[in-house]
Amino acid sequence: MFRFATGTGSVFREMSAAFASVFGMTLSLGAVTVDCTEPKNLAHWWAKALNGEITMDYGSYVTVAGSGLVLSFQEVGEPTPGKNRAHVDFRSDDRLGDVARLKGLGAVEVAEHEVPGLAWTVLADPEGNRFCVAEERPVG
């Protein structure tokens, strides 16, 4: 299950300041938190997937920053049943290459989709959390 949490990444502070000045908002996205049974293992996998790094490690709560995104992994007693209700969508200029790389790291391909101007692949990480890799395509 994905859940939003607060964080302190400088990219997010800059984004939140911009939104606050335009929209008068005080909330900002700090991280997307994933409930999982093995946070350290999953964080290491996502660090490789995002070409990122682990930025916090409290054992049962581990955070990864990479590709302009902060993902946190929080230990829960048992896997969340069924499909996660929210997921992360990534954009890629080389979707097929990135999908192959992620599958090489252990992701599992779930589905392929295409609509005019957009194609995407649904993948699952090693604990079954789904995410998408998409690329825009010319229409016509």
N, C-alpha and C. Protein backbone atom coordinates (compact mmCIF):
# COMPACT_ATOMS: atom_id res chain seq x y z
N MET A 1 0.85 -1.16 0.00
CA MET A 1 0.00 0.00 0.00
C MET A 1 0.89 1.23 0.00
N PHE A 2 0.58 2.21 -0.80
CA PHE A 2 1.32 3.45 -0.82
C PHE A 2 0.62 4.47 0.05
N ARG A 3 1.39 5.26 0.75
CA ARG A 3 0.83 6.28 1.62
C ARG A 3 1.75 7.49 1.56
N PHE A 4 1.21 8.69 1.69
CA PHE A 4 2.01 9.90 1.66
C PHE A 4 2.52 10.22 3.05
N ALA A 5 3.76 10.69 3.12
CA ALA A 5 4.36 11.08 4.39
C ALA A 5 5.18 12.34 4.18
N THR A 6 5.53 13.01 5.24
CA THR A 6 6.32 14.23 5.10
C THR A 6 7.79 13.89 5.10
N GLY A 7 8.60 14.76 4.53
CA GLY A 7 10.04 14.56 4.46
C GLY A 7 10.75 15.89 4.36
N THR A 8 12.07 15.84 4.16
CA THR A 8 12.84 17.07 4.18
C THR A 8 13.73 17.24 2.96
N GLY A 9 13.48 16.52 1.87
CA GLY A 9 14.32 16.63 0.69
C GLY A 9 14.31 18.04 0.11
N SER A 10 15.47 18.55 -0.29
CA SER A 10 15.56 19.92 -0.77
C SER A 10 14.71 20.17 -2.01
N VAL A 11 14.60 19.18 -2.90
CA VAL A 11 13.75 19.33 -4.08
C VAL A 11 12.31 19.59 -3.65
N PHE A 12 11.86 18.85 -2.64
CA PHE A 12 10.50 18.99 -2.18
C PHE A 12 10.28 20.31 -1.44
N ARG A 13 11.30 20.78 -0.72
CA ARG A 13 11.17 22.09 -0.07
C ARG A 13 11.00 23.19 -1.11
N GLU A 14 11.78 23.12 -2.19
CA GLU A 14 11.68 24.10 -3.26
C GLU A 14 10.31 24.04 -3.93
N MET A 15 9.83 22.80 -4.20
CA MET A 15 8.52 22.64 -4.83
C MET A 15 7.43 23.16 -3.91
N SER A 16 7.51 22.84 -2.62
CA SER A 16 6.46 23.28 -1.70
C SER A 16 6.46 24.79 -1.57
N ALA A 17 7.62 25.42 -1.59
CA ALA A 17 7.68 26.88 -1.51
C ALA A 17 7.02 27.50 -2.74
N ALA A 18 7.26 26.89 -3.91
CA ALA A 18 6.64 27.41 -5.14
C ALA A 18 5.13 27.26 -5.09
N PHE A 19 4.64 26.08 -4.67
CA PHE A 19 3.20 25.88 -4.56
C PHE A 19 2.58 26.81 -3.53
N ALA A 20 3.25 26.98 -2.41
CA ALA A 20 2.72 27.85 -1.35
C ALA A 20 2.58 29.27 -1.85
N SER A 21 3.57 29.74 -2.63
CA SER A 21 3.50 31.12 -3.11
C SER A 21 2.39 31.30 -4.13
N VAL A 22 2.11 30.26 -4.91
CA VAL A 22 1.07 30.36 -5.94
C VAL A 22 -0.31 30.04 -5.39
N PHE A 23 -0.41 28.98 -4.60
CA PHE A 23 -1.71 28.48 -4.17
C PHE A 23 -2.00 28.70 -2.69
N GLY A 24 -1.07 29.27 -1.96
CA GLY A 24 -1.29 29.49 -0.54
C GLY A 24 -1.31 28.21 0.26
N MET A 25 -0.67 27.15 -0.25
CA MET A 25 -0.67 25.85 0.42
C MET A 25 0.48 25.77 1.41
N THR A 26 0.27 25.03 2.50
CA THR A 26 1.35 24.78 3.44
C THR A 26 1.75 23.31 3.45
N LEU A 27 0.96 22.44 2.83
CA LEU A 27 1.31 21.03 2.73
C LEU A 27 2.23 20.82 1.54
N SER A 28 3.15 19.88 1.67
CA SER A 28 4.00 19.51 0.55
C SER A 28 4.25 18.01 0.60
N LEU A 29 4.49 17.44 -0.55
CA LEU A 29 4.77 16.01 -0.63
C LEU A 29 6.19 15.76 -0.17
N GLY A 30 6.35 14.92 0.83
CA GLY A 30 7.67 14.59 1.32
C GLY A 30 8.17 13.28 0.76
N ALA A 31 7.30 12.28 0.70
CA ALA A 31 7.67 10.97 0.19
C ALA A 31 6.41 10.16 -0.07
N VAL A 32 6.56 9.15 -0.86
CA VAL A 32 5.54 8.12 -1.01
C VAL A 32 6.04 6.95 -0.19
N THR A 33 5.23 6.49 0.77
CA THR A 33 5.64 5.42 1.67
C THR A 33 4.96 4.11 1.29
N VAL A 34 5.76 3.06 1.20
CA VAL A 34 5.29 1.75 0.80
C VAL A 34 5.34 0.83 2.02
N ASP A 35 4.20 0.23 2.37
CA ASP A 35 4.19 -0.79 3.41
C ASP A 35 4.79 -2.06 2.82
N CYS A 36 5.69 -2.71 3.57
CA CYS A 36 6.34 -3.92 3.06
C CYS A 36 6.84 -4.76 4.23
N THR A 37 7.22 -5.99 3.94
CA THR A 37 7.70 -6.87 5.00
C THR A 37 9.22 -6.80 5.18
N GLU A 38 9.95 -6.37 4.17
CA GLU A 38 11.41 -6.28 4.23
C GLU A 38 11.87 -4.91 3.74
N PRO A 39 11.73 -3.85 4.56
CA PRO A 39 12.02 -2.50 4.09
C PRO A 39 13.45 -2.30 3.60
N LYS A 40 14.41 -2.87 4.27
CA LYS A 40 15.82 -2.67 3.87
C LYS A 40 16.07 -3.29 2.50
N ASN A 41 15.60 -4.52 2.29
CA ASN A 41 15.79 -5.18 1.00
C ASN A 41 15.08 -4.43 -0.12
N LEU A 42 13.84 -4.03 0.13
CA LEU A 42 13.09 -3.33 -0.90
C LEU A 42 13.69 -1.96 -1.19
N ALA A 43 14.16 -1.28 -0.16
CA ALA A 43 14.81 0.03 -0.36
C ALA A 43 16.07 -0.12 -1.21
N HIS A 44 16.86 -1.15 -0.96
CA HIS A 44 18.05 -1.37 -1.79
C HIS A 44 17.67 -1.64 -3.23
N TRP A 45 16.59 -2.41 -3.45
CA TRP A 45 16.13 -2.67 -4.81
C TRP A 45 15.72 -1.37 -5.50
N TRP A 46 14.93 -0.55 -4.81
CA TRP A 46 14.48 0.71 -5.40
C TRP A 46 15.63 1.70 -5.60
N ALA A 47 16.62 1.68 -4.74
CA ALA A 47 17.79 2.54 -4.94
C ALA A 47 18.47 2.19 -6.26
N LYS A 48 18.59 0.89 -6.56
CA LYS A 48 19.15 0.48 -7.85
C LYS A 48 18.23 0.88 -8.99
N ALA A 49 16.93 0.65 -8.82
CA ALA A 49 15.95 0.95 -9.88
C ALA A 49 15.95 2.43 -10.23
N LEU A 50 16.10 3.30 -9.22
CA LEU A 50 16.04 4.75 -9.44
C LEU A 50 17.41 5.38 -9.62
N ASN A 51 18.46 4.55 -9.63
CA ASN A 51 19.83 5.09 -9.61
C ASN A 51 19.96 6.10 -8.48
N GLY A 52 19.38 5.76 -7.34
CA GLY A 52 19.35 6.66 -6.20
C GLY A 52 20.18 6.14 -5.05
N GLU A 53 19.87 6.64 -3.87
CA GLU A 53 20.61 6.23 -2.69
C GLU A 53 19.69 6.19 -1.48
N ILE A 54 20.07 5.38 -0.52
CA ILE A 54 19.35 5.33 0.75
C ILE A 54 19.74 6.56 1.54
N THR A 55 18.73 7.32 1.96
CA THR A 55 19.01 8.57 2.67
C THR A 55 18.70 8.49 4.16
N MET A 56 17.88 7.54 4.58
CA MET A 56 17.59 7.31 5.99
C MET A 56 17.38 5.81 6.18
N ASP A 57 17.86 5.29 7.31
CA ASP A 57 17.66 3.88 7.61
C ASP A 57 17.44 3.73 9.11
N TYR A 58 16.18 3.52 9.48
CA TYR A 58 15.83 3.29 10.87
C TYR A 58 15.47 1.82 11.10
N GLY A 59 15.93 0.95 10.21
CA GLY A 59 15.64 -0.47 10.33
C GLY A 59 14.27 -0.83 9.79
N SER A 60 13.22 -0.41 10.48
CA SER A 60 11.87 -0.72 10.02
C SER A 60 11.30 0.38 9.13
N TYR A 61 12.09 1.42 8.88
CA TYR A 61 11.67 2.53 8.01
C TYR A 61 12.91 3.03 7.28
N VAL A 62 12.92 2.84 5.95
CA VAL A 62 14.10 3.18 5.14
C VAL A 62 13.65 4.06 3.99
N THR A 63 14.42 5.12 3.71
CA THR A 63 14.05 6.07 2.66
C THR A 63 15.10 6.09 1.55
N VAL A 64 14.61 6.17 0.31
CA VAL A 64 15.44 6.23 -0.89
C VAL A 64 15.11 7.50 -1.65
N ALA A 65 16.13 8.20 -2.13
CA ALA A 65 15.94 9.36 -3.00
C ALA A 65 16.61 9.06 -4.33
N GLY A 66 15.90 9.35 -5.42
CA GLY A 66 16.44 9.16 -6.75
C GLY A 66 15.42 9.54 -7.80
N SER A 67 15.88 10.00 -8.94
CA SER A 67 15.01 10.39 -10.05
C SER A 67 13.98 11.43 -9.64
N GLY A 68 14.37 12.34 -8.73
CA GLY A 68 13.46 13.40 -8.31
C GLY A 68 12.33 12.92 -7.41
N LEU A 69 12.47 11.74 -6.84
CA LEU A 69 11.41 11.13 -6.05
C LEU A 69 11.98 10.64 -4.73
N VAL A 70 11.19 10.72 -3.67
CA VAL A 70 11.57 10.12 -2.40
C VAL A 70 10.56 9.02 -2.10
N LEU A 71 11.06 7.80 -1.95
CA LEU A 71 10.24 6.65 -1.58
C LEU A 71 10.69 6.17 -0.21
N SER A 72 9.73 5.90 0.66
CA SER A 72 10.03 5.34 1.97
C SER A 72 9.41 3.96 2.07
N PHE A 73 10.06 3.08 2.80
CA PHE A 73 9.61 1.70 2.94
C PHE A 73 9.45 1.42 4.43
N GLN A 74 8.21 1.09 4.80
CA GLN A 74 7.85 0.92 6.21
C GLN A 74 7.45 -0.52 6.46
N GLU A 75 8.05 -1.12 7.49
CA GLU A 75 7.77 -2.52 7.80
C GLU A 75 6.36 -2.69 8.38
N VAL A 76 5.67 -3.69 7.85
CA VAL A 76 4.37 -4.11 8.37
C VAL A 76 4.46 -5.61 8.64
N GLY A 77 3.59 -6.10 9.49
CA GLY A 77 3.64 -7.50 9.91
C GLY A 77 3.34 -8.51 8.83
N GLU A 78 2.52 -8.14 7.87
CA GLU A 78 2.16 -9.07 6.81
C GLU A 78 1.92 -8.30 5.53
N PRO A 79 2.09 -8.96 4.38
CA PRO A 79 1.87 -8.26 3.11
C PRO A 79 0.44 -7.74 2.98
N THR A 80 0.29 -6.61 2.33
CA THR A 80 -1.04 -6.06 2.07
C THR A 80 -1.68 -6.91 0.97
N PRO A 81 -2.87 -7.46 1.21
CA PRO A 81 -3.49 -8.31 0.20
C PRO A 81 -4.00 -7.50 -1.00
N GLY A 82 -3.97 -8.11 -2.16
CA GLY A 82 -4.54 -7.48 -3.35
C GLY A 82 -3.64 -6.41 -3.95
N LYS A 83 -4.18 -5.73 -4.95
CA LYS A 83 -3.47 -4.68 -5.68
C LYS A 83 -3.38 -3.43 -4.82
N ASN A 84 -2.19 -2.78 -4.86
CA ASN A 84 -2.06 -1.52 -4.13
C ASN A 84 -3.02 -0.48 -4.72
N ARG A 85 -3.56 0.38 -3.87
CA ARG A 85 -4.59 1.34 -4.29
C ARG A 85 -4.01 2.58 -4.94
N ALA A 86 -2.75 2.84 -4.75
CA ALA A 86 -2.06 3.95 -5.42
C ALA A 86 -0.72 3.41 -5.91
N HIS A 87 -0.20 4.04 -6.95
CA HIS A 87 1.09 3.59 -7.45
C HIS A 87 1.83 4.76 -8.07
N VAL A 88 3.12 4.55 -8.34
CA VAL A 88 3.98 5.58 -8.92
C VAL A 88 4.04 5.35 -10.42
N ASP A 89 3.91 6.43 -11.20
CA ASP A 89 4.08 6.39 -12.65
C ASP A 89 5.39 7.08 -12.99
N PHE A 90 6.24 6.40 -13.74
CA PHE A 90 7.50 6.97 -14.20
C PHE A 90 7.40 7.26 -15.69
N ARG A 91 8.05 8.30 -16.16
CA ARG A 91 8.16 8.61 -17.59
C ARG A 91 9.55 8.17 -18.05
N SER A 92 9.64 7.73 -19.29
CA SER A 92 10.92 7.28 -19.82
C SER A 92 11.02 7.64 -21.29
N ASP A 93 12.21 8.01 -21.73
CA ASP A 93 12.47 8.21 -23.15
C ASP A 93 12.83 6.89 -23.82
N ASP A 94 13.12 5.87 -23.02
CA ASP A 94 13.45 4.53 -23.50
C ASP A 94 12.71 3.50 -22.65
N ARG A 95 11.39 3.48 -22.77
CA ARG A 95 10.56 2.62 -21.93
C ARG A 95 11.00 1.16 -22.00
N LEU A 96 11.17 0.63 -23.20
CA LEU A 96 11.51 -0.78 -23.34
C LEU A 96 12.87 -1.09 -22.71
N GLY A 97 13.82 -0.19 -22.87
CA GLY A 97 15.13 -0.38 -22.24
C GLY A 97 15.04 -0.32 -20.72
N ASP A 98 14.27 0.65 -20.20
CA ASP A 98 14.12 0.76 -18.75
C ASP A 98 13.35 -0.43 -18.18
N VAL A 99 12.33 -0.88 -18.90
CA VAL A 99 11.57 -2.06 -18.45
C VAL A 99 12.50 -3.27 -18.40
N ALA A 100 13.32 -3.45 -19.42
CA ALA A 100 14.25 -4.59 -19.44
C ALA A 100 15.23 -4.49 -18.26
N ARG A 101 15.74 -3.30 -17.98
CA ARG A 101 16.66 -3.11 -16.87
C ARG A 101 15.99 -3.44 -15.54
N LEU A 102 14.76 -2.95 -15.35
CA LEU A 102 14.03 -3.21 -14.11
C LEU A 102 13.69 -4.69 -13.94
N LYS A 103 13.32 -5.33 -15.06
CA LYS A 103 13.06 -6.77 -15.00
C LYS A 103 14.35 -7.53 -14.66
N GLY A 104 15.49 -7.04 -15.16
CA GLY A 104 16.77 -7.65 -14.82
C GLY A 104 17.10 -7.52 -13.34
N LEU A 105 16.57 -6.48 -12.70
CA LEU A 105 16.76 -6.30 -11.26
C LEU A 105 15.77 -7.13 -10.44
N GLY A 106 14.76 -7.70 -11.11
CA GLY A 106 13.80 -8.53 -10.39
C GLY A 106 12.35 -8.08 -10.46
N ALA A 107 12.07 -7.00 -11.18
CA ALA A 107 10.67 -6.59 -11.36
C ALA A 107 9.95 -7.63 -12.22
N VAL A 108 8.65 -7.71 -12.05
CA VAL A 108 7.83 -8.63 -12.84
C VAL A 108 6.88 -7.80 -13.69
N GLU A 109 6.81 -8.12 -14.98
CA GLU A 109 5.89 -7.42 -15.87
C GLU A 109 4.48 -7.92 -15.62
N VAL A 110 3.55 -6.98 -15.42
CA VAL A 110 2.16 -7.31 -15.14
C VAL A 110 1.29 -7.10 -16.37
N ALA A 111 1.50 -5.99 -17.09
CA ALA A 111 0.65 -5.69 -18.24
C ALA A 111 1.30 -4.63 -19.11
N GLU A 112 0.83 -4.55 -20.35
CA GLU A 112 1.21 -3.50 -21.30
C GLU A 112 -0.07 -2.79 -21.72
N HIS A 113 0.03 -1.46 -21.87
CA HIS A 113 -1.13 -0.68 -22.30
C HIS A 113 -0.69 0.38 -23.30
N GLU A 114 -1.62 0.76 -24.15
CA GLU A 114 -1.33 1.82 -25.11
C GLU A 114 -2.62 2.55 -25.45
N VAL A 115 -2.54 3.87 -25.50
CA VAL A 115 -3.61 4.73 -25.97
C VAL A 115 -2.93 5.72 -26.92
N PRO A 116 -3.69 6.42 -27.75
CA PRO A 116 -3.04 7.37 -28.65
C PRO A 116 -2.15 8.35 -27.88
N GLY A 117 -0.86 8.36 -28.23
CA GLY A 117 0.09 9.28 -27.64
C GLY A 117 0.81 8.77 -26.40
N LEU A 118 0.44 7.58 -25.89
CA LEU A 118 1.06 7.09 -24.66
C LEU A 118 1.06 5.57 -24.62
N ALA A 119 2.20 5.00 -24.23
CA ALA A 119 2.31 3.55 -23.99
C ALA A 119 2.94 3.37 -22.63
N TRP A 120 2.49 2.34 -21.87
CA TRP A 120 3.08 2.11 -20.56
C TRP A 120 3.07 0.64 -20.21
N THR A 121 4.01 0.31 -19.36
CA THR A 121 4.16 -1.05 -18.86
C THR A 121 3.91 -1.03 -17.36
N VAL A 122 3.06 -1.93 -16.89
CA VAL A 122 2.82 -2.09 -15.46
C VAL A 122 3.78 -3.16 -14.96
N LEU A 123 4.54 -2.83 -13.92
CA LEU A 123 5.50 -3.74 -13.33
C LEU A 123 5.18 -3.92 -11.85
N ALA A 124 5.73 -4.95 -11.25
CA ALA A 124 5.64 -5.15 -9.81
C ALA A 124 7.05 -5.30 -9.25
N ASP A 125 7.32 -4.64 -8.13
CA ASP A 125 8.63 -4.76 -7.49
C ASP A 125 8.72 -6.12 -6.80
N PRO A 126 9.85 -6.45 -6.16
CA PRO A 126 10.00 -7.78 -5.56
C PRO A 126 8.97 -8.15 -4.49
N GLU A 127 8.26 -7.16 -3.90
CA GLU A 127 7.20 -7.50 -2.94
C GLU A 127 5.81 -7.38 -3.55
N GLY A 128 5.75 -7.16 -4.89
CA GLY A 128 4.46 -7.13 -5.57
C GLY A 128 3.82 -5.76 -5.69
N ASN A 129 4.49 -4.68 -5.22
CA ASN A 129 3.94 -3.32 -5.35
C ASN A 129 4.03 -2.90 -6.81
N ARG A 130 2.91 -2.50 -7.37
CA ARG A 130 2.87 -2.15 -8.79
C ARG A 130 3.29 -0.72 -9.04
N PHE A 131 3.92 -0.51 -10.20
CA PHE A 131 4.30 0.81 -10.67
C PHE A 131 4.32 0.77 -12.19
N CYS A 132 4.32 1.94 -12.82
CA CYS A 132 4.26 2.00 -14.28
C CYS A 132 5.46 2.74 -14.85
N VAL A 133 5.87 2.33 -16.04
CA VAL A 133 6.89 3.03 -16.81
C VAL A 133 6.23 3.38 -18.14
N ALA A 134 6.15 4.68 -18.44
CA ALA A 134 5.42 5.14 -19.62
C ALA A 134 6.31 5.97 -20.53
N GLU A 135 5.93 6.00 -21.79
CA GLU A 135 6.59 6.92 -22.73
C GLU A 135 5.54 7.52 -23.64
N GLU A 136 5.75 8.79 -23.92
CA GLU A 136 4.85 9.47 -24.86
C GLU A 136 5.24 9.07 -26.27
N ARG A 137 4.22 8.99 -27.11
CA ARG A 137 4.45 8.63 -28.51
C ARG A 137 3.74 9.64 -29.40
N PRO A 138 4.30 9.86 -30.57
CA PRO A 138 3.64 10.77 -31.51
C PRO A 138 2.26 10.22 -31.89
N VAL A 139 1.30 11.09 -32.02
CA VAL A 139 -0.04 10.70 -32.45
C VAL A 139 -0.14 10.96 -33.94
N GLY A 140 -0.70 9.98 -34.63
CA GLY A 140 -0.95 10.20 -36.05
C GLY A 140 -0.18 9.43 -36.98
